N, C-alpha and C. Protein backbone atom coordinates (compact mmCIF):
# COMPACT_ATOMS: atom_id res chain seq x y z
N MET A 1 104.59 105.51 105.41
CA MET A 1 104.46 105.69 103.98
C MET A 1 103.87 107.06 103.67
N THR A 2 104.54 107.81 102.81
CA THR A 2 104.06 109.12 102.41
C THR A 2 103.04 108.98 101.29
N LYS A 3 101.89 109.56 101.48
CA LYS A 3 100.86 109.46 100.44
C LYS A 3 101.31 110.16 99.17
N LYS A 4 100.96 109.58 98.03
CA LYS A 4 101.39 110.19 96.76
C LYS A 4 100.25 110.95 96.08
N TYR A 5 99.03 110.81 96.57
CA TYR A 5 97.92 111.54 95.96
C TYR A 5 96.84 111.77 97.02
N LYS A 6 95.90 112.63 96.66
CA LYS A 6 94.73 112.86 97.51
C LYS A 6 93.48 112.80 96.65
N LEU A 7 92.34 112.58 97.29
CA LEU A 7 91.06 112.64 96.61
C LEU A 7 90.58 114.09 96.62
N THR A 8 90.28 114.62 95.45
CA THR A 8 89.81 116.01 95.39
C THR A 8 88.28 116.05 95.47
N ASP A 9 87.75 117.26 95.47
CA ASP A 9 86.30 117.44 95.50
C ASP A 9 85.69 117.39 94.10
N ASN A 10 86.53 117.21 93.08
CA ASN A 10 86.03 117.05 91.71
C ASN A 10 85.50 115.63 91.57
N THR A 11 84.23 115.48 91.34
CA THR A 11 83.64 114.14 91.32
C THR A 11 82.85 113.89 90.04
N ILE A 12 82.70 112.62 89.72
CA ILE A 12 81.80 112.17 88.67
C ILE A 12 80.99 111.01 89.23
N THR A 13 79.88 110.74 88.62
CA THR A 13 79.07 109.58 89.02
C THR A 13 79.16 108.54 87.93
N HIS A 14 79.54 107.35 88.30
CA HIS A 14 79.69 106.27 87.33
C HIS A 14 79.00 105.03 87.89
N TYR A 15 77.98 104.53 87.16
CA TYR A 15 77.22 103.38 87.63
C TYR A 15 76.78 103.57 89.09
N ASP A 16 76.25 104.73 89.40
CA ASP A 16 75.75 105.08 90.73
C ASP A 16 76.86 105.18 91.79
N LYS A 17 78.09 105.18 91.35
CA LYS A 17 79.22 105.35 92.28
C LYS A 17 79.76 106.77 92.15
N THR A 18 80.06 107.38 93.29
CA THR A 18 80.69 108.70 93.26
C THR A 18 82.20 108.52 93.24
N LEU A 19 82.82 109.01 92.20
CA LEU A 19 84.27 108.85 92.04
C LEU A 19 84.94 110.21 92.14
N HIS A 20 86.10 110.22 92.80
CA HIS A 20 86.84 111.46 93.03
C HIS A 20 88.07 111.54 92.13
N GLN A 21 88.27 112.70 91.55
CA GLN A 21 89.50 112.91 90.80
C GLN A 21 90.67 112.97 91.77
N ILE A 22 91.79 112.39 91.38
CA ILE A 22 92.95 112.37 92.27
C ILE A 22 93.96 113.44 91.85
N GLN A 23 94.78 113.86 92.81
CA GLN A 23 95.82 114.86 92.54
C GLN A 23 97.10 114.42 93.25
N ALA A 24 98.20 114.49 92.53
CA ALA A 24 99.49 114.05 93.07
C ALA A 24 99.98 114.99 94.16
N LEU A 25 100.40 114.41 95.29
CA LEU A 25 100.94 115.19 96.40
C LEU A 25 102.46 115.28 96.34
N ARG A 26 103.07 114.45 95.51
CA ARG A 26 104.52 114.47 95.32
C ARG A 26 104.82 113.95 93.92
N SER A 27 106.03 114.20 93.48
CA SER A 27 106.44 113.73 92.16
C SER A 27 106.93 112.29 92.24
N PHE A 28 106.60 111.50 91.24
CA PHE A 28 107.06 110.11 91.17
C PHE A 28 106.87 109.64 89.73
N GLY A 29 107.74 108.76 89.28
CA GLY A 29 107.62 108.25 87.92
C GLY A 29 107.50 109.38 86.92
N ASN A 30 106.46 109.34 86.09
CA ASN A 30 106.20 110.39 85.11
C ASN A 30 105.18 111.41 85.60
N VAL A 31 104.87 111.36 86.89
CA VAL A 31 103.86 112.25 87.47
C VAL A 31 104.54 113.34 88.28
N ALA A 32 104.12 114.58 88.08
CA ALA A 32 104.67 115.72 88.83
C ALA A 32 103.71 116.11 89.95
N LYS A 33 104.27 116.62 91.02
CA LYS A 33 103.46 117.09 92.13
C LYS A 33 102.43 118.09 91.63
N GLY A 34 101.18 117.92 92.02
CA GLY A 34 100.12 118.81 91.60
C GLY A 34 99.33 118.33 90.39
N ASP A 35 99.86 117.33 89.67
CA ASP A 35 99.16 116.80 88.50
C ASP A 35 97.81 116.21 88.90
N LEU A 36 96.80 116.48 88.10
CA LEU A 36 95.51 115.84 88.29
C LEU A 36 95.48 114.51 87.54
N GLY A 37 94.84 113.54 88.13
CA GLY A 37 94.76 112.22 87.51
C GLY A 37 93.33 111.86 87.14
N GLY A 38 93.07 110.56 87.10
CA GLY A 38 91.74 110.06 86.80
C GLY A 38 90.87 110.01 88.04
N TYR A 39 89.96 109.04 88.09
CA TYR A 39 88.95 109.02 89.14
C TYR A 39 88.93 107.67 89.86
N VAL A 40 88.85 107.73 91.17
CA VAL A 40 88.75 106.52 91.99
C VAL A 40 87.63 106.72 93.01
N GLU A 41 87.11 105.61 93.48
CA GLU A 41 86.06 105.68 94.50
C GLU A 41 86.65 105.94 95.88
N LYS A 42 87.84 105.36 96.12
CA LYS A 42 88.46 105.44 97.45
C LYS A 42 89.96 105.20 97.30
N GLU A 43 90.69 105.48 98.37
CA GLU A 43 92.13 105.30 98.31
C GLU A 43 92.53 103.84 98.16
N GLY A 44 91.65 102.93 98.53
CA GLY A 44 91.93 101.52 98.37
C GLY A 44 91.97 101.07 96.92
N ASN A 45 91.61 101.96 95.98
CA ASN A 45 91.63 101.60 94.56
C ASN A 45 92.99 101.83 93.91
N LEU A 46 93.84 102.65 94.53
CA LEU A 46 95.15 102.97 93.95
C LEU A 46 96.18 103.03 95.06
N SER A 47 97.22 102.23 94.94
CA SER A 47 98.25 102.16 95.96
C SER A 47 99.04 103.47 96.04
N HIS A 48 99.48 103.81 97.26
CA HIS A 48 100.37 104.96 97.45
C HIS A 48 101.82 104.56 97.24
N GLU A 49 102.09 103.27 97.09
CA GLU A 49 103.45 102.78 96.84
C GLU A 49 103.72 102.70 95.35
N GLY A 50 105.00 102.68 95.00
CA GLY A 50 105.37 102.51 93.61
C GLY A 50 104.94 103.68 92.75
N ASN A 51 104.94 103.46 91.42
CA ASN A 51 104.63 104.53 90.48
C ASN A 51 103.28 104.33 89.78
N ALA A 52 102.48 103.40 90.26
CA ALA A 52 101.18 103.15 89.63
C ALA A 52 100.34 104.43 89.64
N TRP A 53 99.52 104.61 88.56
CA TRP A 53 98.76 105.85 88.45
C TRP A 53 97.51 105.62 87.61
N VAL A 54 96.51 106.46 87.86
CA VAL A 54 95.28 106.50 87.08
C VAL A 54 95.18 107.91 86.52
N SER A 55 95.01 108.04 85.20
CA SER A 55 95.03 109.38 84.61
C SER A 55 93.94 109.53 83.56
N GLY A 56 93.87 110.74 82.98
CA GLY A 56 92.88 111.03 81.96
C GLY A 56 91.48 110.94 82.53
N ASN A 57 90.59 110.31 81.79
CA ASN A 57 89.21 110.10 82.25
C ASN A 57 89.00 108.69 82.78
N ALA A 58 90.09 107.99 83.04
CA ALA A 58 90.00 106.61 83.52
C ALA A 58 89.40 106.57 84.92
N TRP A 59 88.79 105.43 85.25
CA TRP A 59 88.10 105.31 86.52
C TRP A 59 88.31 103.92 87.11
N VAL A 60 88.38 103.89 88.44
CA VAL A 60 88.59 102.65 89.18
C VAL A 60 87.68 102.69 90.40
N TYR A 61 86.96 101.60 90.64
CA TYR A 61 86.07 101.59 91.81
C TYR A 61 85.79 100.17 92.27
N GLY A 62 84.93 100.06 93.28
CA GLY A 62 84.65 98.76 93.86
C GLY A 62 85.84 98.29 94.68
N ASN A 63 86.16 97.01 94.58
CA ASN A 63 87.34 96.46 95.25
C ASN A 63 88.54 96.36 94.32
N ALA A 64 88.42 96.99 93.16
CA ALA A 64 89.52 96.96 92.19
C ALA A 64 90.74 97.68 92.76
N TRP A 65 91.92 97.22 92.31
CA TRP A 65 93.15 97.75 92.87
C TRP A 65 94.20 97.90 91.78
N VAL A 66 94.77 99.08 91.70
CA VAL A 66 95.89 99.37 90.79
C VAL A 66 97.09 99.66 91.69
N PHE A 67 98.16 98.88 91.53
CA PHE A 67 99.26 99.06 92.47
C PHE A 67 100.61 98.72 91.85
N GLY A 68 101.65 99.14 92.54
CA GLY A 68 103.02 98.88 92.13
C GLY A 68 103.87 98.55 93.34
N ASN A 69 105.07 98.13 93.09
CA ASN A 69 106.01 97.77 94.15
C ASN A 69 107.04 98.88 94.30
N ALA A 70 107.16 99.42 95.48
CA ALA A 70 108.08 100.54 95.70
C ALA A 70 109.53 100.13 95.55
N ASP A 71 109.85 98.84 95.68
CA ASP A 71 111.24 98.39 95.65
C ASP A 71 111.75 98.15 94.23
N VAL A 72 110.86 98.12 93.27
CA VAL A 72 111.27 97.93 91.88
C VAL A 72 110.56 98.96 91.03
N SER A 73 111.00 99.09 89.79
CA SER A 73 110.41 100.08 88.91
C SER A 73 109.15 99.51 88.26
N GLU A 74 108.02 99.71 88.90
CA GLU A 74 106.75 99.23 88.36
C GLU A 74 105.85 100.43 88.11
N ASN A 75 105.28 100.47 86.91
CA ASN A 75 104.54 101.65 86.49
C ASN A 75 103.16 101.31 85.95
N ALA A 76 102.43 100.47 86.65
CA ALA A 76 101.08 100.14 86.21
C ALA A 76 100.28 101.42 86.00
N CYS A 77 99.54 101.46 84.90
CA CYS A 77 98.83 102.70 84.58
C CYS A 77 97.48 102.40 83.94
N VAL A 78 96.48 103.13 84.36
CA VAL A 78 95.15 103.07 83.77
C VAL A 78 94.84 104.48 83.27
N TYR A 79 94.56 104.62 81.98
CA TYR A 79 94.38 105.97 81.45
C TYR A 79 93.43 105.97 80.27
N GLY A 80 93.26 107.15 79.65
CA GLY A 80 92.27 107.28 78.59
C GLY A 80 90.88 107.26 79.19
N ASN A 81 89.99 106.46 78.62
CA ASN A 81 88.64 106.30 79.15
C ASN A 81 88.44 104.92 79.76
N ALA A 82 89.54 104.28 80.11
CA ALA A 82 89.50 102.90 80.59
C ALA A 82 88.88 102.80 81.98
N GLY A 83 88.37 101.60 82.30
CA GLY A 83 87.79 101.36 83.60
C GLY A 83 88.23 100.06 84.22
N VAL A 84 88.46 100.06 85.51
CA VAL A 84 88.81 98.87 86.27
C VAL A 84 87.89 98.82 87.48
N TYR A 85 87.21 97.69 87.67
CA TYR A 85 86.24 97.64 88.76
C TYR A 85 85.99 96.20 89.19
N GLY A 86 85.04 96.03 90.10
CA GLY A 86 84.82 94.70 90.67
C GLY A 86 85.95 94.35 91.60
N ASN A 87 86.52 93.17 91.44
CA ASN A 87 87.68 92.73 92.24
C ASN A 87 88.94 92.68 91.39
N ALA A 88 88.92 93.37 90.27
CA ALA A 88 90.05 93.29 89.32
C ALA A 88 91.31 93.93 89.89
N GLU A 89 92.46 93.47 89.37
CA GLU A 89 93.75 94.02 89.78
C GLU A 89 94.60 94.31 88.55
N VAL A 90 95.28 95.45 88.60
CA VAL A 90 96.24 95.83 87.55
C VAL A 90 97.53 96.20 88.27
N PHE A 91 98.62 95.52 87.93
CA PHE A 91 99.86 95.80 88.64
C PHE A 91 101.08 95.46 87.79
N GLY A 92 102.27 95.60 88.37
CA GLY A 92 103.50 95.43 87.60
C GLY A 92 103.68 96.62 86.68
N ASN A 93 104.02 96.35 85.42
CA ASN A 93 104.13 97.41 84.42
C ASN A 93 102.96 97.37 83.45
N ALA A 94 101.86 96.78 83.89
CA ALA A 94 100.70 96.62 83.02
C ALA A 94 100.04 97.97 82.74
N TRP A 95 99.36 98.04 81.61
CA TRP A 95 98.65 99.26 81.24
C TRP A 95 97.30 98.91 80.65
N VAL A 96 96.31 99.75 80.99
CA VAL A 96 94.95 99.60 80.49
C VAL A 96 94.53 100.98 80.00
N TYR A 97 94.12 101.08 78.73
CA TYR A 97 93.76 102.40 78.23
C TYR A 97 92.75 102.30 77.10
N GLY A 98 92.46 103.46 76.49
CA GLY A 98 91.41 103.50 75.48
C GLY A 98 90.06 103.41 76.17
N ASN A 99 89.18 102.58 75.64
CA ASN A 99 87.89 102.33 76.27
C ASN A 99 87.84 100.95 76.90
N ALA A 100 89.01 100.39 77.14
CA ALA A 100 89.10 99.03 77.68
C ALA A 100 88.55 98.96 79.09
N GLU A 101 88.06 97.76 79.46
CA GLU A 101 87.56 97.54 80.82
C GLU A 101 88.11 96.22 81.35
N VAL A 102 88.49 96.24 82.62
CA VAL A 102 88.95 95.05 83.33
C VAL A 102 88.10 94.94 84.59
N TYR A 103 87.44 93.80 84.78
CA TYR A 103 86.51 93.70 85.91
C TYR A 103 86.32 92.26 86.33
N GLY A 104 85.40 92.04 87.26
CA GLY A 104 85.25 90.70 87.83
C GLY A 104 86.43 90.41 88.73
N ASN A 105 87.01 89.22 88.59
CA ASN A 105 88.21 88.84 89.34
C ASN A 105 89.44 88.83 88.45
N ALA A 106 89.35 89.53 87.34
CA ALA A 106 90.44 89.50 86.35
C ALA A 106 91.69 90.21 86.86
N CYS A 107 92.85 89.78 86.34
CA CYS A 107 94.13 90.40 86.67
C CYS A 107 94.90 90.70 85.39
N VAL A 108 95.49 91.87 85.34
CA VAL A 108 96.38 92.26 84.25
C VAL A 108 97.69 92.67 84.89
N TYR A 109 98.78 92.02 84.52
CA TYR A 109 100.04 92.31 85.21
C TYR A 109 101.23 91.98 84.32
N GLY A 110 102.43 92.12 84.89
CA GLY A 110 103.63 91.96 84.08
C GLY A 110 103.79 93.15 83.18
N ASN A 111 104.08 92.90 81.90
CA ASN A 111 104.18 93.97 80.91
C ASN A 111 102.98 93.96 79.97
N ALA A 112 101.90 93.35 80.41
CA ALA A 112 100.73 93.17 79.56
C ALA A 112 99.97 94.48 79.36
N GLY A 113 99.21 94.53 78.26
CA GLY A 113 98.41 95.70 77.97
C GLY A 113 97.03 95.34 77.46
N VAL A 114 96.05 96.14 77.83
CA VAL A 114 94.67 95.97 77.36
C VAL A 114 94.22 97.33 76.84
N SER A 115 93.73 97.38 75.61
CA SER A 115 93.41 98.67 75.01
C SER A 115 92.24 98.57 74.06
N GLY A 116 91.92 99.68 73.40
CA GLY A 116 90.80 99.71 72.47
C GLY A 116 89.49 99.56 73.21
N ASN A 117 88.63 98.70 72.68
CA ASN A 117 87.36 98.39 73.34
C ASN A 117 87.39 97.02 73.98
N ALA A 118 88.58 96.51 74.23
CA ALA A 118 88.75 95.16 74.77
C ALA A 118 88.20 95.07 76.20
N GLU A 119 87.79 93.85 76.57
CA GLU A 119 87.31 93.59 77.92
C GLU A 119 87.98 92.32 78.45
N VAL A 120 88.45 92.39 79.68
CA VAL A 120 89.02 91.24 80.39
C VAL A 120 88.22 91.08 81.66
N PHE A 121 87.61 89.92 81.86
CA PHE A 121 86.70 89.78 83.01
C PHE A 121 86.62 88.32 83.44
N GLY A 122 85.75 88.06 84.41
CA GLY A 122 85.68 86.72 84.96
C GLY A 122 86.90 86.47 85.83
N ASP A 123 87.50 85.29 85.67
CA ASP A 123 88.73 84.94 86.40
C ASP A 123 89.94 84.97 85.47
N ALA A 124 89.83 85.70 84.38
CA ALA A 124 90.88 85.71 83.37
C ALA A 124 92.13 86.43 83.85
N ASP A 125 93.29 85.98 83.36
CA ASP A 125 94.58 86.62 83.61
C ASP A 125 95.21 86.99 82.29
N VAL A 126 95.70 88.22 82.20
CA VAL A 126 96.50 88.66 81.06
C VAL A 126 97.82 89.14 81.63
N TYR A 127 98.91 88.56 81.19
CA TYR A 127 100.18 88.85 81.85
C TYR A 127 101.34 88.63 80.88
N GLY A 128 102.57 88.70 81.40
CA GLY A 128 103.73 88.56 80.52
C GLY A 128 103.80 89.74 79.59
N ASN A 129 103.99 89.46 78.29
CA ASN A 129 104.04 90.53 77.29
C ASN A 129 102.80 90.52 76.41
N ALA A 130 101.72 89.98 76.91
CA ALA A 130 100.50 89.85 76.11
C ALA A 130 99.85 91.21 75.87
N GLU A 131 99.18 91.32 74.72
CA GLU A 131 98.40 92.50 74.39
C GLU A 131 97.00 92.07 73.98
N VAL A 132 96.01 92.69 74.57
CA VAL A 132 94.61 92.44 74.23
C VAL A 132 94.04 93.77 73.75
N TYR A 133 93.51 93.80 72.53
CA TYR A 133 93.09 95.09 71.99
C TYR A 133 91.95 94.89 71.00
N GLY A 134 91.54 96.00 70.37
CA GLY A 134 90.41 95.93 69.45
C GLY A 134 89.13 95.70 70.22
N ASN A 135 88.31 94.76 69.74
CA ASN A 135 87.05 94.43 70.40
C ASN A 135 87.14 93.09 71.11
N ALA A 136 88.35 92.65 71.40
CA ALA A 136 88.54 91.31 71.97
C ALA A 136 87.98 91.21 73.39
N TRP A 137 87.49 90.01 73.70
CA TRP A 137 87.06 89.67 75.06
C TRP A 137 87.91 88.51 75.55
N VAL A 138 88.44 88.63 76.75
CA VAL A 138 89.14 87.53 77.42
C VAL A 138 88.41 87.30 78.73
N PHE A 139 87.88 86.10 78.93
CA PHE A 139 87.02 85.91 80.09
C PHE A 139 87.08 84.46 80.56
N GLY A 140 86.24 84.17 81.58
CA GLY A 140 86.24 82.82 82.14
C GLY A 140 87.54 82.56 82.87
N ASP A 141 88.14 81.40 82.61
CA ASP A 141 89.43 81.04 83.22
C ASP A 141 90.58 81.23 82.25
N ALA A 142 90.37 82.04 81.22
CA ALA A 142 91.40 82.22 80.19
C ALA A 142 92.66 82.83 80.77
N ARG A 143 93.79 82.39 80.22
CA ARG A 143 95.09 82.94 80.61
C ARG A 143 95.87 83.26 79.33
N VAL A 144 96.16 84.52 79.13
CA VAL A 144 96.89 84.97 77.94
C VAL A 144 98.21 85.55 78.43
N SER A 145 99.32 84.93 78.01
CA SER A 145 100.62 85.34 78.56
C SER A 145 101.58 85.88 77.51
N LYS A 146 101.27 85.69 76.24
CA LYS A 146 102.18 86.19 75.21
C LYS A 146 101.40 86.43 73.94
N GLY A 147 102.01 87.18 73.02
CA GLY A 147 101.36 87.45 71.74
C GLY A 147 100.26 88.48 71.88
N LYS A 148 99.48 88.59 70.81
CA LYS A 148 98.43 89.59 70.75
C LYS A 148 97.07 88.92 70.62
N CYS A 149 96.12 89.46 71.31
CA CYS A 149 94.75 88.97 71.23
C CYS A 149 93.89 90.09 70.68
N THR A 150 93.38 89.88 69.49
CA THR A 150 92.58 90.92 68.85
C THR A 150 91.32 90.31 68.27
N GLU A 151 90.34 91.13 68.02
CA GLU A 151 89.11 90.64 67.42
C GLU A 151 88.67 91.58 66.32
N LYS A 152 88.32 91.00 65.20
CA LYS A 152 87.80 91.78 64.08
C LYS A 152 86.40 91.28 63.78
N ILE A 153 85.45 92.17 63.71
CA ILE A 153 84.08 91.79 63.37
C ILE A 153 83.91 91.96 61.87
N VAL A 154 83.61 90.86 61.18
CA VAL A 154 83.51 90.87 59.72
C VAL A 154 82.07 90.62 59.32
N ASN A 155 81.53 91.46 58.48
CA ASN A 155 80.15 91.31 58.02
C ASN A 155 80.12 91.02 56.52
N PHE A 156 79.52 89.92 56.14
CA PHE A 156 79.35 89.59 54.73
C PHE A 156 77.94 89.07 54.50
N ILE A 157 77.30 89.53 53.46
CA ILE A 157 75.95 89.11 53.03
C ILE A 157 75.01 88.86 54.21
N GLY A 158 75.01 89.80 55.13
CA GLY A 158 74.08 89.69 56.24
C GLY A 158 74.52 88.80 57.37
N LEU A 159 75.69 88.17 57.24
CA LEU A 159 76.20 87.31 58.32
C LEU A 159 77.34 88.04 59.01
N GLU A 160 77.41 87.91 60.31
CA GLU A 160 78.46 88.57 61.08
C GLU A 160 79.37 87.52 61.71
N PHE A 161 80.66 87.70 61.54
CA PHE A 161 81.64 86.78 62.10
C PHE A 161 82.59 87.54 63.02
N ASN A 162 82.81 87.02 64.20
CA ASN A 162 83.83 87.55 65.09
C ASN A 162 85.09 86.73 64.87
N ILE A 163 86.18 87.40 64.53
CA ILE A 163 87.46 86.73 64.33
C ILE A 163 88.39 87.15 65.45
N THR A 164 88.75 86.21 66.29
CA THR A 164 89.61 86.48 67.45
C THR A 164 90.90 85.70 67.32
N ALA A 165 92.02 86.35 67.62
CA ALA A 165 93.32 85.68 67.56
C ALA A 165 94.07 85.90 68.86
N TYR A 166 94.57 84.83 69.46
CA TYR A 166 95.40 84.96 70.65
C TYR A 166 96.31 83.75 70.75
N ASN A 167 97.55 84.02 71.16
CA ASN A 167 98.57 82.97 71.20
C ASN A 167 98.57 82.18 69.89
N ASP A 168 98.35 80.88 69.93
CA ASP A 168 98.38 80.06 68.72
C ASP A 168 96.96 79.70 68.26
N ILE A 169 95.98 80.43 68.74
CA ILE A 169 94.59 80.10 68.46
C ILE A 169 93.93 81.20 67.63
N ILE A 170 93.15 80.80 66.64
CA ILE A 170 92.33 81.74 65.88
C ILE A 170 90.91 81.21 65.87
N LYS A 171 89.96 82.07 66.23
CA LYS A 171 88.57 81.68 66.28
C LYS A 171 87.78 82.51 65.26
N VAL A 172 87.07 81.84 64.37
CA VAL A 172 86.21 82.50 63.39
C VAL A 172 84.78 82.04 63.69
N GLY A 173 83.95 82.96 64.13
CA GLY A 173 82.61 82.56 64.53
C GLY A 173 82.71 81.55 65.65
N CYS A 174 82.13 80.37 65.48
CA CYS A 174 82.22 79.32 66.50
C CYS A 174 83.31 78.31 66.19
N LYS A 175 84.10 78.55 65.14
CA LYS A 175 85.15 77.61 64.73
C LYS A 175 86.49 78.03 65.33
N THR A 176 87.02 77.21 66.23
CA THR A 176 88.30 77.51 66.89
C THR A 176 89.33 76.46 66.49
N HIS A 177 90.50 76.93 66.01
CA HIS A 177 91.56 76.02 65.59
C HIS A 177 92.92 76.64 65.91
N THR A 178 93.92 75.80 65.98
CA THR A 178 95.29 76.30 66.10
C THR A 178 95.72 76.87 64.75
N CYS A 179 96.84 77.59 64.76
CA CYS A 179 97.35 78.15 63.51
C CYS A 179 97.66 77.04 62.50
N ALA A 180 98.23 75.94 63.00
CA ALA A 180 98.56 74.83 62.10
C ALA A 180 97.31 74.24 61.47
N GLU A 181 96.25 74.11 62.26
CA GLU A 181 94.99 73.58 61.74
C GLU A 181 94.38 74.52 60.71
N TRP A 182 94.45 75.84 60.98
CA TRP A 182 93.91 76.79 60.02
C TRP A 182 94.68 76.75 58.71
N THR A 183 95.99 76.51 58.78
CA THR A 183 96.78 76.41 57.56
C THR A 183 96.24 75.31 56.65
N ASN A 184 95.93 74.16 57.25
CA ASN A 184 95.36 73.04 56.48
C ASN A 184 93.96 73.36 55.98
N ILE A 185 93.17 74.03 56.83
CA ILE A 185 91.80 74.37 56.44
C ILE A 185 91.80 75.28 55.21
N ILE A 186 92.68 76.27 55.21
CA ILE A 186 92.76 77.19 54.08
C ILE A 186 93.24 76.44 52.83
N ALA A 187 94.23 75.58 53.02
CA ALA A 187 94.75 74.83 51.88
C ALA A 187 93.68 73.93 51.26
N ASN A 188 92.83 73.36 52.09
CA ASN A 188 91.80 72.44 51.60
C ASN A 188 90.45 73.13 51.34
N ARG A 189 90.43 74.47 51.53
CA ARG A 189 89.23 75.28 51.28
C ARG A 189 88.02 74.73 52.05
N GLU A 190 88.24 74.35 53.28
CA GLU A 190 87.14 73.89 54.12
C GLU A 190 86.25 75.07 54.52
N TYR A 191 85.04 74.76 54.94
CA TYR A 191 84.05 75.75 55.35
C TYR A 191 83.66 76.68 54.21
N GLU A 192 84.08 76.39 52.99
CA GLU A 192 83.84 77.30 51.89
C GLU A 192 82.35 77.53 51.64
N SER A 193 81.53 76.54 51.95
CA SER A 193 80.10 76.65 51.70
C SER A 193 79.38 77.48 52.75
N LEU A 194 80.11 77.96 53.75
CA LEU A 194 79.47 78.71 54.84
C LEU A 194 78.78 79.96 54.31
N CYS A 195 79.44 80.65 53.40
CA CYS A 195 78.82 81.79 52.75
C CYS A 195 79.59 82.11 51.48
N GLU A 196 78.97 82.89 50.60
CA GLU A 196 79.55 83.14 49.30
C GLU A 196 80.90 83.85 49.38
N ASP A 197 81.06 84.71 50.37
CA ASP A 197 82.28 85.52 50.47
C ASP A 197 83.26 84.99 51.51
N TYR A 198 83.20 83.68 51.78
CA TYR A 198 84.10 83.15 52.80
C TYR A 198 85.56 83.30 52.42
N ASP A 199 85.83 83.43 51.11
CA ASP A 199 87.21 83.66 50.67
C ASP A 199 87.78 84.91 51.33
N LYS A 200 86.96 85.93 51.54
CA LYS A 200 87.44 87.17 52.15
C LYS A 200 87.78 86.93 53.62
N ILE A 201 86.97 86.10 54.28
CA ILE A 201 87.25 85.79 55.67
C ILE A 201 88.54 84.99 55.77
N GLN A 202 88.70 84.01 54.91
CA GLN A 202 89.92 83.21 54.92
C GLN A 202 91.14 84.08 54.61
N ALA A 203 90.95 85.09 53.76
CA ALA A 203 92.07 85.99 53.45
C ALA A 203 92.53 86.72 54.70
N TYR A 204 91.57 87.12 55.55
CA TYR A 204 91.94 87.81 56.78
C TYR A 204 92.64 86.85 57.73
N VAL A 205 92.13 85.62 57.82
CA VAL A 205 92.78 84.62 58.67
C VAL A 205 94.21 84.37 58.16
N LYS A 206 94.38 84.35 56.86
CA LYS A 206 95.72 84.14 56.29
C LYS A 206 96.67 85.25 56.73
N LEU A 207 96.18 86.49 56.76
CA LEU A 207 97.01 87.60 57.23
C LEU A 207 97.43 87.40 58.69
N LEU A 208 96.49 86.91 59.51
CA LEU A 208 96.80 86.64 60.91
C LEU A 208 97.87 85.56 61.02
N LEU A 209 97.74 84.53 60.18
CA LEU A 209 98.71 83.43 60.23
C LEU A 209 100.10 83.92 59.82
N ILE A 210 100.15 84.75 58.78
CA ILE A 210 101.44 85.28 58.33
C ILE A 210 102.04 86.13 59.44
N ASP A 211 101.19 86.94 60.10
CA ASP A 211 101.67 87.80 61.19
C ASP A 211 102.24 86.96 62.34
N LYS A 212 101.71 85.74 62.50
CA LYS A 212 102.20 84.86 63.56
C LYS A 212 103.35 83.98 63.08
N GLY A 213 103.85 84.22 61.88
CA GLY A 213 105.01 83.49 61.40
C GLY A 213 104.69 82.23 60.62
N HIS A 214 103.41 82.03 60.26
CA HIS A 214 103.03 80.87 59.46
C HIS A 214 102.93 81.32 58.00
N LEU A 215 103.97 81.05 57.23
CA LEU A 215 104.00 81.47 55.83
C LEU A 215 103.21 80.47 55.00
N LEU A 216 102.25 80.98 54.26
CA LEU A 216 101.36 80.11 53.48
C LEU A 216 101.75 80.13 52.02
């Protein structure tokens, strides 16, 4: 196997880890020979096979692995200011960028994407055509395979609500319901006494429902 990159002497320190900037030794995918990439702790963090790449200010360390399959067109990419670490894996055509982080035993693969300030960790899997973005967290044993997972932090009269949407689920604060259940909740004006401006929160949930094809 011909190596596709080398570790340069350009280093940064991240969480007490010394990470090396990588440089392409040959052209592949959208990368040209000589291009500088992001930062890895060791060659075990980025496969020499396939078109997988780490670019920008992105960083990968620990036992984390970004890889692709040389026999098919796979272009897993970690870029921007994103980080992948722990035992996490990013592969297939998956992409992680922005300030997103993937860590623990989490996996992001297929055509899935994680961006913004999102975090995927624990034993969570994000795959298929799923997108996780904004301030969303996917963790534990969660599996997100389609649709978009986003989180909006809403502040009203001194109360803060995290609104998270993924697949057919919408969570407002500690209240988690399916889209169908939320449709009934809005129709019956439930939880209205939670705070004076709950109408504004329900309005945002209604937008999420419409975006998911639930016409109210």
